[in-house]
Amino acid sequence: IESATIPENITHESTEKFYLDITRICREFLNKLFYVKATEMTSRELDDYFKTSGIDERILRDWNKINQTADFAKYGGQIPEVNQFKTHKQQFIELMKAFQKMKDSSGINQSRSTL
């Protein structure tokens, strides 16, 4: 995700591409980490999955907040302020680290999910 490039020319198209890229990378990470088909699930389905999987409430809250922001940028045509692109990218990185740390310390979902 660190290699995802923040667009130089901010347009609706470049914004959509940037947020599609970082959310795709994050979902692929979640696929591997939790053995869940995160790339095929809606944001709502992932939220429901996390709620039933014992994910820490703070992580879940952070996930929902940044995911909603990304969804607005991808599908709602909302363009965040220029400085927010870097902030949002960093929030995804920190969230992925938090998921990894939580998985490592708790052993959440060690078996393969059927979702």
PDB file of N, CA and C in Angstrom:
ATOM      1  N   ILE A   1       0.837  -1.197   0.000  1.00  0.00           N
ATOM      2  CA  ILE A   1       0.000   0.000   0.000  1.00  0.00           C
ATOM      3  C   ILE A   1       0.876   1.253   0.000  1.00  0.00           C
ATOM      4  N   GLU A   2       2.069   1.115   0.564  1.00  0.00           N
ATOM      5  CA  GLU A   2       2.959   2.275   0.587  1.00  0.00           C
ATOM      6  C   GLU A   2       3.346   2.707  -0.814  1.00  0.00           C
ATOM      7  N   SER A   3       3.299   1.798  -1.784  1.00  0.00           N
ATOM      8  CA  SER A   3       3.654   2.137  -3.154  1.00  0.00           C
ATOM      9  C   SER A   3       2.508   2.810  -3.922  1.00  0.00           C
ATOM     10  N   ALA A   4       1.307   2.834  -3.353  1.00  0.00           N
ATOM     11  CA  ALA A   4       0.180   3.503  -4.018  1.00  0.00           C
ATOM     12  C   ALA A   4       0.508   4.983  -4.163  1.00  0.00           C
ATOM     13  N   THR A   5       0.390   5.473  -5.377  1.00  0.00           N
ATOM     14  CA  THR A   5       0.784   6.839  -5.690  1.00  0.00           C
ATOM     15  C   THR A   5      -0.379   7.801  -5.527  1.00  0.00           C
ATOM     16  N   ILE A   6      -0.131   8.848  -4.769  1.00  0.00           N
ATOM     17  CA  ILE A   6      -1.118   9.920  -4.630  1.00  0.00           C
ATOM     18  C   ILE A   6      -1.105  10.708  -5.930  1.00  0.00           C
ATOM     19  N   PRO A   7      -2.269  10.933  -6.523  1.00  0.00           N
ATOM     20  CA  PRO A   7      -2.290  11.599  -7.829  1.00  0.00           C
ATOM     21  C   PRO A   7      -1.750  13.032  -7.767  1.00  0.00           C
ATOM     22  N   GLU A   8      -1.003  13.398  -8.815  1.00  0.00           N
ATOM     23  CA  GLU A   8      -0.507  14.772  -8.912  1.00  0.00           C
ATOM     24  C   GLU A   8      -1.610  15.708  -9.366  1.00  0.00           C
ATOM     25  N   ASN A   9      -2.408  15.223 -10.305  1.00  0.00           N
ATOM     26  CA  ASN A   9      -3.522  16.006 -10.827  1.00  0.00           C
ATOM     27  C   ASN A   9      -4.814  15.420 -10.245  1.00  0.00           C
ATOM     28  N   ILE A  10      -5.382  16.107  -9.275  1.00  0.00           N
ATOM     29  CA  ILE A  10      -6.564  15.600  -8.571  1.00  0.00           C
ATOM     30  C   ILE A  10      -7.821  15.852  -9.405  1.00  0.00           C
ATOM     31  N   THR A  11      -8.414  14.757  -9.873  1.00  0.00           N
ATOM     32  CA  THR A  11      -9.675  14.800 -10.615  1.00  0.00           C
ATOM     33  C   THR A  11     -10.584  13.726 -10.031  1.00  0.00           C
ATOM     34  N   HIS A  12     -11.822  13.689 -10.509  1.00  0.00           N
ATOM     35  CA  HIS A  12     -12.725  12.621 -10.058  1.00  0.00           C
ATOM     36  C   HIS A  12     -12.140  11.254 -10.427  1.00  0.00           C
ATOM     37  N   GLU A  13     -11.600  11.150 -11.634  1.00  0.00           N
ATOM     38  CA  GLU A  13     -11.056   9.876 -12.098  1.00  0.00           C
ATOM     39  C   GLU A  13      -9.820   9.466 -11.298  1.00  0.00           C
ATOM     40  N   SER A  14      -8.898  10.405 -11.083  1.00  0.00           N
ATOM     41  CA  SER A  14      -7.677  10.054 -10.350  1.00  0.00           C
ATOM     42  C   SER A  14      -7.984   9.753  -8.882  1.00  0.00           C
ATOM     43  N   THR A  15      -8.971  10.447  -8.327  1.00  0.00           N
ATOM     44  CA  THR A  15      -9.395  10.182  -6.947  1.00  0.00           C
ATOM     45  C   THR A  15      -9.983   8.786  -6.843  1.00  0.00           C
ATOM     46  N   GLU A  16     -10.883   8.465  -7.764  1.00  0.00           N
ATOM     47  CA  GLU A  16     -11.497   7.136  -7.761  1.00  0.00           C
ATOM     48  C   GLU A  16     -10.431   6.052  -7.895  1.00  0.00           C
ATOM     49  N   LYS A  17      -9.488   6.212  -8.816  1.00  0.00           N
ATOM     50  CA  LYS A  17      -8.430   5.228  -9.012  1.00  0.00           C
ATOM     51  C   LYS A  17      -7.579   5.069  -7.761  1.00  0.00           C
ATOM     52  N   PHE A  18      -7.183   6.165  -7.131  1.00  0.00           N
ATOM     53  CA  PHE A  18      -6.361   6.101  -5.928  1.00  0.00           C
ATOM     54  C   PHE A  18      -7.070   5.319  -4.822  1.00  0.00           C
ATOM     55  N   TYR A  19      -8.330   5.649  -4.562  1.00  0.00           N
ATOM     56  CA  TYR A  19      -9.054   4.974  -3.476  1.00  0.00           C
ATOM     57  C   TYR A  19      -9.404   3.531  -3.839  1.00  0.00           C
ATOM     58  N   LEU A  20      -9.661   3.257  -5.116  1.00  0.00           N
ATOM     59  CA  LEU A  20      -9.854   1.862  -5.527  1.00  0.00           C
ATOM     60  C   LEU A  20      -8.577   1.064  -5.289  1.00  0.00           C
ATOM     61  N   ASP A  21      -7.437   1.651  -5.612  1.00  0.00           N
ATOM     62  CA  ASP A  21      -6.158   0.963  -5.424  1.00  0.00           C
ATOM     63  C   ASP A  21      -5.889   0.648  -3.950  1.00  0.00           C
ATOM     64  N   ILE A  22      -6.009   1.649  -3.088  1.00  0.00           N
ATOM     65  CA  ILE A  22      -5.657   1.395  -1.683  1.00  0.00           C
ATOM     66  C   ILE A  22      -6.658   0.473  -1.003  1.00  0.00           C
ATOM     67  N   THR A  23      -7.934   0.562  -1.376  1.00  0.00           N
ATOM     68  CA  THR A  23      -8.891  -0.362  -0.757  1.00  0.00           C
ATOM     69  C   THR A  23      -8.716  -1.775  -1.303  1.00  0.00           C
ATOM     70  N   ARG A  24      -8.361  -1.904  -2.569  1.00  0.00           N
ATOM     71  CA  ARG A  24      -8.097  -3.237  -3.134  1.00  0.00           C
ATOM     72  C   ARG A  24      -6.910  -3.884  -2.419  1.00  0.00           C
ATOM     73  N   ILE A  25      -5.844  -3.125  -2.238  1.00  0.00           N
ATOM     74  CA  ILE A  25      -4.662  -3.645  -1.550  1.00  0.00           C
ATOM     75  C   ILE A  25      -5.018  -4.066  -0.128  1.00  0.00           C
ATOM     76  N   CYS A  26      -5.783  -3.243   0.558  1.00  0.00           N
ATOM     77  CA  CYS A  26      -6.185  -3.558   1.927  1.00  0.00           C
ATOM     78  C   CYS A  26      -7.056  -4.820   1.960  1.00  0.00           C
ATOM     79  N   ARG A  27      -7.991  -4.937   1.035  1.00  0.00           N
ATOM     80  CA  ARG A  27      -8.865  -6.106   1.007  1.00  0.00           C
ATOM     81  C   ARG A  27      -8.094  -7.385   0.648  1.00  0.00           C
ATOM     82  N   GLU A  28      -7.111  -7.263  -0.243  1.00  0.00           N
ATOM     83  CA  GLU A  28      -6.280  -8.429  -0.549  1.00  0.00           C
ATOM     84  C   GLU A  28      -5.497  -8.859   0.695  1.00  0.00           C
ATOM     85  N   PHE A  29      -5.026  -7.893   1.445  1.00  0.00           N
ATOM     86  CA  PHE A  29      -4.346  -8.171   2.712  1.00  0.00           C
ATOM     87  C   PHE A  29      -5.286  -8.901   3.669  1.00  0.00           C
ATOM     88  N   LEU A  30      -6.523  -8.417   3.786  1.00  0.00           N
ATOM     89  CA  LEU A  30      -7.506  -9.052   4.670  1.00  0.00           C
ATOM     90  C   LEU A  30      -7.841 -10.467   4.200  1.00  0.00           C
ATOM     91  N   ASN A  31      -7.892 -10.665   2.865  1.00  0.00           N
ATOM     92  CA  ASN A  31      -8.100 -12.020   2.315  1.00  0.00           C
ATOM     93  C   ASN A  31      -7.089 -12.981   2.902  1.00  0.00           C
ATOM     94  N   LYS A  32      -5.824 -12.594   2.835  1.00  0.00           N
ATOM     95  CA  LYS A  32      -4.737 -13.471   3.280  1.00  0.00           C
ATOM     96  C   LYS A  32      -4.677 -13.592   4.790  1.00  0.00           C
ATOM     97  N   LEU A  33      -4.939 -12.498   5.480  1.00  0.00           N
ATOM     98  CA  LEU A  33      -4.820 -12.491   6.934  1.00  0.00           C
ATOM     99  C   LEU A  33      -5.915 -13.298   7.613  1.00  0.00           C
ATOM    100  N   PHE A  34      -7.155 -13.130   7.162  1.00  0.00           N
ATOM    101  CA  PHE A  34      -8.294 -13.771   7.829  1.00  0.00           C
ATOM    102  C   PHE A  34      -8.925 -14.897   7.016  1.00  0.00           C
ATOM    103  N   TYR A  35      -8.368 -15.202   5.850  1.00  0.00           N
ATOM    104  CA  TYR A  35      -8.934 -16.242   4.999  1.00  0.00           C
ATOM    105  C   TYR A  35     -10.414 -15.976   4.711  1.00  0.00           C
ATOM    106  N   VAL A  36     -10.712 -14.732   4.402  1.00  0.00           N
ATOM    107  CA  VAL A  36     -12.070 -14.318   4.084  1.00  0.00           C
ATOM    108  C   VAL A  36     -12.034 -13.659   2.710  1.00  0.00           C
ATOM    109  N   LYS A  37     -13.073 -13.807   1.939  1.00  0.00           N
ATOM    110  CA  LYS A  37     -13.116 -13.266   0.580  1.00  0.00           C
ATOM    111  C   LYS A  37     -13.436 -11.765   0.587  1.00  0.00           C
ATOM    112  N   ALA A  38     -12.564 -10.998   1.203  1.00  0.00           N
ATOM    113  CA  ALA A  38     -12.797  -9.568   1.393  1.00  0.00           C
ATOM    114  C   ALA A  38     -12.922  -8.813   0.076  1.00  0.00           C
ATOM    115  N   THR A  39     -12.244  -9.284  -0.971  1.00  0.00           N
ATOM    116  CA  THR A  39     -12.326  -8.605  -2.261  1.00  0.00           C
ATOM    117  C   THR A  39     -13.669  -8.813  -2.944  1.00  0.00           C
ATOM    118  N   GLU A  40     -14.418  -9.802  -2.480  1.00  0.00           N
ATOM    119  CA  GLU A  40     -15.727 -10.089  -3.055  1.00  0.00           C
ATOM    120  C   GLU A  40     -16.880  -9.607  -2.174  1.00  0.00           C
ATOM    121  N   MET A  41     -16.541  -9.049  -1.026  1.00  0.00           N
ATOM    122  CA  MET A  41     -17.560  -8.636  -0.065  1.00  0.00           C
ATOM    123  C   MET A  41     -17.786  -7.126  -0.124  1.00  0.00           C
ATOM    124  N   THR A  42     -19.011  -6.731   0.186  1.00  0.00           N
ATOM    125  CA  THR A  42     -19.293  -5.300   0.308  1.00  0.00           C
ATOM    126  C   THR A  42     -18.710  -4.798   1.628  1.00  0.00           C
ATOM    127  N   SER A  43     -18.633  -3.497   1.752  1.00  0.00           N
ATOM    128  CA  SER A  43     -18.156  -2.908   3.006  1.00  0.00           C
ATOM    129  C   SER A  43     -19.034  -3.350   4.162  1.00  0.00           C
ATOM    130  N   ARG A  44     -20.324  -3.423   3.926  1.00  0.00           N
ATOM    131  CA  ARG A  44     -21.277  -3.839   4.963  1.00  0.00           C
ATOM    132  C   ARG A  44     -21.048  -5.294   5.373  1.00  0.00           C
ATOM    133  N   GLU A  45     -20.818  -6.149   4.389  1.00  0.00           N
ATOM    134  CA  GLU A  45     -20.568  -7.562   4.686  1.00  0.00           C
ATOM    135  C   GLU A  45     -19.280  -7.727   5.495  1.00  0.00           C
ATOM    136  N   LEU A  46     -18.256  -6.964   5.154  1.00  0.00           N
ATOM    137  CA  LEU A  46     -17.017  -7.022   5.929  1.00  0.00           C
ATOM    138  C   LEU A  46     -17.242  -6.527   7.348  1.00  0.00           C
ATOM    139  N   ASP A  47     -18.001  -5.464   7.498  1.00  0.00           N
ATOM    140  CA  ASP A  47     -18.320  -4.947   8.826  1.00  0.00           C
ATOM    141  C   ASP A  47     -19.026  -6.023   9.652  1.00  0.00           C
ATOM    142  N   ASP A  48     -20.008  -6.669   9.055  1.00  0.00           N
ATOM    143  CA  ASP A  48     -20.735  -7.739   9.754  1.00  0.00           C
ATOM    144  C   ASP A  48     -19.794  -8.887  10.112  1.00  0.00           C
ATOM    145  N   TYR A  49     -18.911  -9.246   9.197  1.00  0.00           N
ATOM    146  CA  TYR A  49     -17.944 -10.311   9.457  1.00  0.00           C
ATOM    147  C   TYR A  49     -17.062  -9.936  10.647  1.00  0.00           C
ATOM    148  N   PHE A  50     -16.530  -8.726  10.633  1.00  0.00           N
ATOM    149  CA  PHE A  50     -15.647  -8.289  11.716  1.00  0.00           C
ATOM    150  C   PHE A  50     -16.368  -8.273  13.058  1.00  0.00           C
ATOM    151  N   LYS A  51     -17.622  -7.855  13.057  1.00  0.00           N
ATOM    152  CA  LYS A  51     -18.383  -7.800  14.305  1.00  0.00           C
ATOM    153  C   LYS A  51     -18.548  -9.190  14.918  1.00  0.00           C
ATOM    154  N   THR A  52     -18.699 -10.197  14.077  1.00  0.00           N
ATOM    155  CA  THR A  52     -18.908 -11.553  14.587  1.00  0.00           C
ATOM    156  C   THR A  52     -17.592 -12.306  14.798  1.00  0.00           C
ATOM    157  N   SER A  53     -16.461 -11.676  14.448  1.00  0.00           N
ATOM    158  CA  SER A  53     -15.160 -12.344  14.548  1.00  0.00           C
ATOM    159  C   SER A  53     -14.326 -11.884  15.731  1.00  0.00           C
ATOM    160  N   GLY A  54     -14.902 -11.043  16.556  1.00  0.00           N
ATOM    161  CA  GLY A  54     -14.174 -10.601  17.730  1.00  0.00           C
ATOM    162  C   GLY A  54     -13.149  -9.519  17.475  1.00  0.00           C
ATOM    163  N   ILE A  55     -13.323  -8.773  16.389  1.00  0.00           N
ATOM    164  CA  ILE A  55     -12.404  -7.669  16.091  1.00  0.00           C
ATOM    165  C   ILE A  55     -12.606  -6.565  17.123  1.00  0.00           C
ATOM    166  N   ASP A  56     -11.520  -6.027  17.619  1.00  0.00           N
ATOM    167  CA  ASP A  56     -11.537  -4.943  18.590  1.00  0.00           C
ATOM    168  C   ASP A  56     -12.421  -3.790  18.092  1.00  0.00           C
ATOM    169  N   GLU A  57     -13.241  -3.239  18.984  1.00  0.00           N
ATOM    170  CA  GLU A  57     -14.179  -2.180  18.597  1.00  0.00           C
ATOM    171  C   GLU A  57     -13.489  -0.952  18.041  1.00  0.00           C
ATOM    172  N   ARG A  58     -12.318  -0.598  18.574  1.00  0.00           N
ATOM    173  CA  ARG A  58     -11.597   0.573  18.069  1.00  0.00           C
ATOM    174  C   ARG A  58     -11.155   0.339  16.626  1.00  0.00           C
ATOM    175  N   ILE A  59     -10.655  -0.865  16.352  1.00  0.00           N
ATOM    176  CA  ILE A  59     -10.235  -1.196  14.989  1.00  0.00           C
ATOM    177  C   ILE A  59     -11.442  -1.193  14.061  1.00  0.00           C
ATOM    178  N   LEU A  60     -12.544  -1.756  14.524  1.00  0.00           N
ATOM    179  CA  LEU A  60     -13.766  -1.783  13.726  1.00  0.00           C
ATOM    180  C   LEU A  60     -14.259  -0.373  13.428  1.00  0.00           C
ATOM    181  N   ARG A  61     -14.224   0.484  14.425  1.00  0.00           N
ATOM    182  CA  ARG A  61     -14.641   1.886  14.246  1.00  0.00           C
ATOM    183  C   ARG A  61     -13.729   2.594  13.229  1.00  0.00           C
ATOM    184  N   ASP A  62     -12.420   2.392  13.362  1.00  0.00           N
ATOM    185  CA  ASP A  62     -11.468   2.993  12.421  1.00  0.00           C
ATOM    186  C   ASP A  62     -11.681   2.465  11.013  1.00  0.00           C
ATOM    187  N   TRP A  63     -11.918   1.143  10.913  1.00  0.00           N
ATOM    188  CA  TRP A  63     -12.178   0.532   9.613  1.00  0.00           C
ATOM    189  C   TRP A  63     -13.400   1.170   8.957  1.00  0.00           C
ATOM    190  N   ASN A  64     -14.481   1.278   9.694  1.00  0.00           N
ATOM    191  CA  ASN A  64     -15.707   1.836   9.128  1.00  0.00           C
ATOM    192  C   ASN A  64     -15.526   3.285   8.701  1.00  0.00           C
ATOM    193  N   LYS A  65     -14.809   4.045   9.496  1.00  0.00           N
ATOM    194  CA  LYS A  65     -14.613   5.460   9.182  1.00  0.00           C
ATOM    195  C   LYS A  65     -13.804   5.649   7.898  1.00  0.00           C
ATOM    196  N   ILE A  66     -12.649   5.000   7.801  1.00  0.00           N
ATOM    197  CA  ILE A  66     -11.809   5.182   6.617  1.00  0.00           C
ATOM    198  C   ILE A  66     -12.437   4.518   5.399  1.00  0.00           C
ATOM    199  N   ASN A  67     -13.127   3.411   5.597  1.00  0.00           N
ATOM    200  CA  ASN A  67     -13.775   2.735   4.481  1.00  0.00           C
ATOM    201  C   ASN A  67     -14.920   3.575   3.921  1.00  0.00           C
ATOM    202  N   GLN A  68     -15.658   4.234   4.801  1.00  0.00           N
ATOM    203  CA  GLN A  68     -16.738   5.113   4.351  1.00  0.00           C
ATOM    204  C   GLN A  68     -16.171   6.291   3.555  1.00  0.00           C
ATOM    205  N   THR A  69     -15.084   6.854   4.034  1.00  0.00           N
ATOM    206  CA  THR A  69     -14.433   7.950   3.318  1.00  0.00           C
ATOM    207  C   THR A  69     -14.008   7.490   1.928  1.00  0.00           C
ATOM    208  N   ALA A  70     -13.402   6.309   1.855  1.00  0.00           N
ATOM    209  CA  ALA A  70     -12.961   5.770   0.562  1.00  0.00           C
ATOM    210  C   ALA A  70     -14.156   5.495  -0.351  1.00  0.00           C
ATOM    211  N   ASP A  71     -15.232   4.950   0.200  1.00  0.00           N
ATOM    212  CA  ASP A  71     -16.428   4.685  -0.608  1.00  0.00           C
ATOM    213  C   ASP A  71     -17.012   5.973  -1.176  1.00  0.00           C
ATOM    214  N   PHE A  72     -17.037   7.030  -0.383  1.00  0.00           N
ATOM    215  CA  PHE A  72     -17.529   8.320  -0.877  1.00  0.00           C
ATOM    216  C   PHE A  72     -16.653   8.824  -2.018  1.00  0.00           C
ATOM    217  N   ALA A  73     -15.346   8.631  -1.903  1.00  0.00           N
ATOM    218  CA  ALA A  73     -14.426   9.076  -2.950  1.00  0.00           C
ATOM    219  C   ALA A  73     -14.568   8.204  -4.207  1.00  0.00           C
ATOM    220  N   LYS A  74     -14.753   6.893  -4.006  1.00  0.00           N
ATOM    221  CA  LYS A  74     -14.839   5.972  -5.145  1.00  0.00           C
ATOM    222  C   LYS A  74     -16.174   6.068  -5.867  1.00  0.00           C
ATOM    223  N   TYR A  75     -17.250   6.089  -5.100  1.00  0.00           N
ATOM    224  CA  TYR A  75     -18.574   5.949  -5.699  1.00  0.00           C
ATOM    225  C   TYR A  75     -19.445   7.191  -5.591  1.00  0.00           C
ATOM    226  N   GLY A  76     -19.110   8.096  -4.693  1.00  0.00           N
ATOM    227  CA  GLY A  76     -19.936   9.287  -4.494  1.00  0.00           C
ATOM    228  C   GLY A  76     -19.394  10.525  -5.179  1.00  0.00           C
ATOM    229  N   GLY A  77     -18.241  10.393  -5.817  1.00  0.00           N
ATOM    230  CA  GLY A  77     -17.664  11.525  -6.526  1.00  0.00           C
ATOM    231  C   GLY A  77     -17.121  12.618  -5.624  1.00  0.00           C
ATOM    232  N   GLN A  78     -16.940  12.302  -4.343  1.00  0.00           N
ATOM    233  CA  GLN A  78     -16.409  13.305  -3.419  1.00  0.00           C
ATOM    234  C   GLN A  78     -14.890  13.290  -3.473  1.00  0.00           C
ATOM    235  N   ILE A  79     -14.314  14.463  -3.658  1.00  0.00           N
ATOM    236  CA  ILE A  79     -12.864  14.583  -3.706  1.00  0.00           C
ATOM    237  C   ILE A  79     -12.388  15.183  -2.391  1.00  0.00           C
ATOM    238  N   PRO A  80     -11.618  14.413  -1.634  1.00  0.00           N
ATOM    239  CA  PRO A  80     -11.085  14.934  -0.370  1.00  0.00           C
ATOM    240  C   PRO A  80     -10.097  16.080  -0.625  1.00  0.00           C
ATOM    241  N   GLU A  81      -9.811  16.837   0.410  1.00  0.00           N
ATOM    242  CA  GLU A  81      -8.785  17.862   0.317  1.00  0.00           C
ATOM    243  C   GLU A  81      -7.461  17.187  -0.036  1.00  0.00           C
ATOM    244  N   VAL A  82      -6.594  17.903  -0.734  1.00  0.00           N
ATOM    245  CA  VAL A  82      -5.331  17.341  -1.211  1.00  0.00           C
ATOM    246  C   VAL A  82      -4.525  16.700  -0.080  1.00  0.00           C
ATOM    247  N   ASN A  83      -4.447  17.348   1.067  1.00  0.00           N
ATOM    248  CA  ASN A  83      -3.659  16.802   2.186  1.00  0.00           C
ATOM    249  C   ASN A  83      -4.287  15.539   2.780  1.00  0.00           C
ATOM    250  N   GLN A  84      -5.538  15.295   2.498  1.00  0.00           N
ATOM    251  CA  GLN A  84      -6.221  14.121   3.044  1.00  0.00           C
ATOM    252  C   GLN A  84      -5.824  12.822   2.350  1.00  0.00           C
ATOM    253  N   PHE A  85      -5.371  12.902   1.110  1.00  0.00           N
ATOM    254  CA  PHE A  85      -4.961  11.688   0.399  1.00  0.00           C
ATOM    255  C   PHE A  85      -3.852  10.977   1.180  1.00  0.00           C
ATOM    256  N   LYS A  86      -2.836  11.714   1.572  1.00  0.00           N
ATOM    257  CA  LYS A  86      -1.721  11.129   2.323  1.00  0.00           C
ATOM    258  C   LYS A  86      -2.203  10.632   3.686  1.00  0.00           C
ATOM    259  N   THR A  87      -3.049  11.410   4.339  1.00  0.00           N
ATOM    260  CA  THR A  87      -3.590  11.019   5.648  1.00  0.00           C
ATOM    261  C   THR A  87      -4.377   9.720   5.535  1.00  0.00           C
ATOM    262  N   HIS A  88      -5.236   9.619   4.535  1.00  0.00           N
ATOM    263  CA  HIS A  88      -6.056   8.418   4.367  1.00  0.00           C
ATOM    264  C   HIS A  88      -5.197   7.204   4.040  1.00  0.00           C
ATOM    265  N   LYS A  89      -4.198   7.395   3.204  1.00  0.00           N
ATOM    266  CA  LYS A  89      -3.285   6.295   2.886  1.00  0.00           C
ATOM    267  C   LYS A  89      -2.606   5.803   4.164  1.00  0.00           C
ATOM    268  N   GLN A  90      -2.143   6.726   4.982  1.00  0.00           N
ATOM    269  CA  GLN A  90      -1.485   6.356   6.241  1.00  0.00           C
ATOM    270  C   GLN A  90      -2.460   5.659   7.189  1.00  0.00           C
ATOM    271  N   GLN A  91      -3.724   6.104   7.196  1.00  0.00           N
ATOM    272  CA  GLN A  91      -4.727   5.457   8.037  1.00  0.00           C
ATOM    273  C   GLN A  91      -4.962   4.012   7.609  1.00  0.00           C
ATOM    274  N   PHE A  92      -4.968   3.740   6.307  1.00  0.00           N
ATOM    275  CA  PHE A  92      -5.099   2.364   5.836  1.00  0.00           C
ATOM    276  C   PHE A  92      -3.891   1.536   6.270  1.00  0.00           C
ATOM    277  N   ILE A  93      -2.695   2.106   6.170  1.00  0.00           N
ATOM    278  CA  ILE A  93      -1.487   1.400   6.592  1.00  0.00           C
ATOM    279  C   ILE A  93      -1.561   1.057   8.076  1.00  0.00           C
ATOM    280  N   GLU A  94      -1.934   2.030   8.895  1.00  0.00           N
ATOM    281  CA  GLU A  94      -2.025   1.805  10.347  1.00  0.00           C
ATOM    282  C   GLU A  94      -3.107   0.788  10.678  1.00  0.00           C
ATOM    283  N   LEU A  95      -4.197   0.835   9.946  1.00  0.00           N
ATOM    284  CA  LEU A  95      -5.281  -0.123  10.166  1.00  0.00           C
ATOM    285  C   LEU A  95      -4.826  -1.542   9.828  1.00  0.00           C
ATOM    286  N   MET A  96      -4.108  -1.692   8.734  1.00  0.00           N
ATOM    287  CA  MET A  96      -3.597  -3.011   8.362  1.00  0.00           C
ATOM    288  C   MET A  96      -2.630  -3.531   9.427  1.00  0.00           C
ATOM    289  N   LYS A  97      -1.797  -2.654   9.952  1.00  0.00           N
ATOM    290  CA  LYS A  97      -0.891  -3.044  11.035  1.00  0.00           C
ATOM    291  C   LYS A  97      -1.675  -3.476  12.270  1.00  0.00           C
ATOM    292  N   ALA A  98      -2.754  -2.756  12.568  1.00  0.00           N
ATOM    293  CA  ALA A  98      -3.581  -3.087  13.738  1.00  0.00           C
ATOM    294  C   ALA A  98      -4.255  -4.444  13.556  1.00  0.00           C
ATOM    295  N   PHE A  99      -4.773  -4.719  12.344  1.00  0.00           N
ATOM    296  CA  PHE A  99      -5.362  -6.033  12.072  1.00  0.00           C
ATOM    297  C   PHE A  99      -4.320  -7.134  12.263  1.00  0.00           C
ATOM    298  N   GLN A 100      -3.125  -6.898  11.731  1.00  0.00           N
ATOM    299  CA  GLN A 100      -2.062  -7.900  11.842  1.00  0.00           C
ATOM    300  C   GLN A 100      -1.689  -8.143  13.297  1.00  0.00           C
ATOM    301  N   LYS A 101      -1.513  -7.073  14.040  1.00  0.00           N
ATOM    302  CA  LYS A 101      -1.139  -7.190  15.449  1.00  0.00           C
ATOM    303  C   LYS A 101      -2.214  -7.933  16.235  1.00  0.00           C
ATOM    304  N   MET A 102      -3.469  -7.597  15.966  1.00  0.00           N
ATOM    305  CA  MET A 102      -4.568  -8.253  16.671  1.00  0.00           C
ATOM    306  C   MET A 102      -4.618  -9.742  16.323  1.00  0.00           C
ATOM    307  N   LYS A 103      -4.450 -10.060  15.068  1.00  0.00           N
ATOM    308  CA  LYS A 103      -4.465 -11.464  14.630  1.00  0.00           C
ATOM    309  C   LYS A 103      -3.314 -12.226  15.283  1.00  0.00           C
ATOM    310  N   ASP A 104      -2.131 -11.610  15.286  1.00  0.00           N
ATOM    311  CA  ASP A 104      -0.958 -12.275  15.865  1.00  0.00           C
ATOM    312  C   ASP A 104      -1.124 -12.534  17.358  1.00  0.00           C
ATOM    313  N   SER A 105      -1.744 -11.604  18.059  1.00  0.00           N
ATOM    314  CA  SER A 105      -1.849 -11.735  19.515  1.00  0.00           C
ATOM    315  C   SER A 105      -3.040 -12.571  19.970  1.00  0.00           C
ATOM    316  N   SER A 106      -4.073 -12.668  19.120  1.00  0.00           N
ATOM    317  CA  SER A 106      -5.277 -13.368  19.570  1.00  0.00           C
ATOM    318  C   SER A 106      -5.573 -14.657  18.828  1.00  0.00           C
ATOM    319  N   GLY A 107      -4.985 -14.820  17.664  1.00  0.00           N
ATOM    320  CA  GLY A 107      -5.265 -16.029  16.892  1.00  0.00           C
ATOM    321  C   GLY A 107      -6.650 -16.030  16.283  1.00  0.00           C
ATOM    322  N   ILE A 108      -7.221 -14.856  16.059  1.00  0.00           N
ATOM    323  CA  ILE A 108      -8.560 -14.771  15.467  1.00  0.00           C
ATOM    324  C   ILE A 108      -8.581 -15.495  14.126  1.00  0.00           C
ATOM    325  N   ASN A 109      -9.609 -16.296  13.946  1.00  0.00           N
ATOM    326  CA  ASN A 109      -9.917 -16.940  12.680  1.00  0.00           C
ATOM    327  C   ASN A 109      -8.746 -17.752  12.130  1.00  0.00           C
ATOM    328  N   GLN A 110      -8.252 -18.670  12.888  1.00  0.00           N
ATOM    329  CA  GLN A 110      -7.150 -19.510  12.441  1.00  0.00           C
ATOM    330  C   GLN A 110      -7.589 -20.504  11.367  1.00  0.00           C
ATOM    331  N   SER A 111      -8.861 -20.837  11.339  1.00  0.00           N
ATOM    332  CA  SER A 111      -9.333 -21.773  10.321  1.00  0.00           C
ATOM    333  C   SER A 111      -9.919 -20.987   9.153  1.00  0.00           C
ATOM    334  N   ARG A 112     -10.004 -21.644   8.027  1.00  0.00           N
ATOM    335  CA  ARG A 112     -10.493 -21.007   6.819  1.00  0.00           C
ATOM    336  C   ARG A 112     -11.992 -20.730   6.919  1.00  0.00           C
ATOM    337  N   SER A 113     -12.368 -19.496   6.560  1.00  0.00           N
ATOM    338  CA  SER A 113     -13.769 -19.086   6.586  1.00  0.00           C
ATOM    339  C   SER A 113     -14.457 -19.500   5.292  1.00  0.00           C
ATOM    340  N   THR A 114     -15.756 -19.684   5.368  1.00  0.00           N
ATOM    341  CA  THR A 114     -16.517 -20.018   4.174  1.00  0.00           C
ATOM    342  C   THR A 114     -17.157 -18.792   3.543  1.00  0.00           C
ATOM    343  N   LEU A 115     -16.888 -17.626   4.098  1.00  0.00           N
ATOM    344  CA  LEU A 115     -17.465 -16.399   3.522  1.00  0.00           C
ATOM    345  C   LEU A 115     -16.862 -16.077   2.186  1.00  0.00           C
TER     346      LEU A 115
END
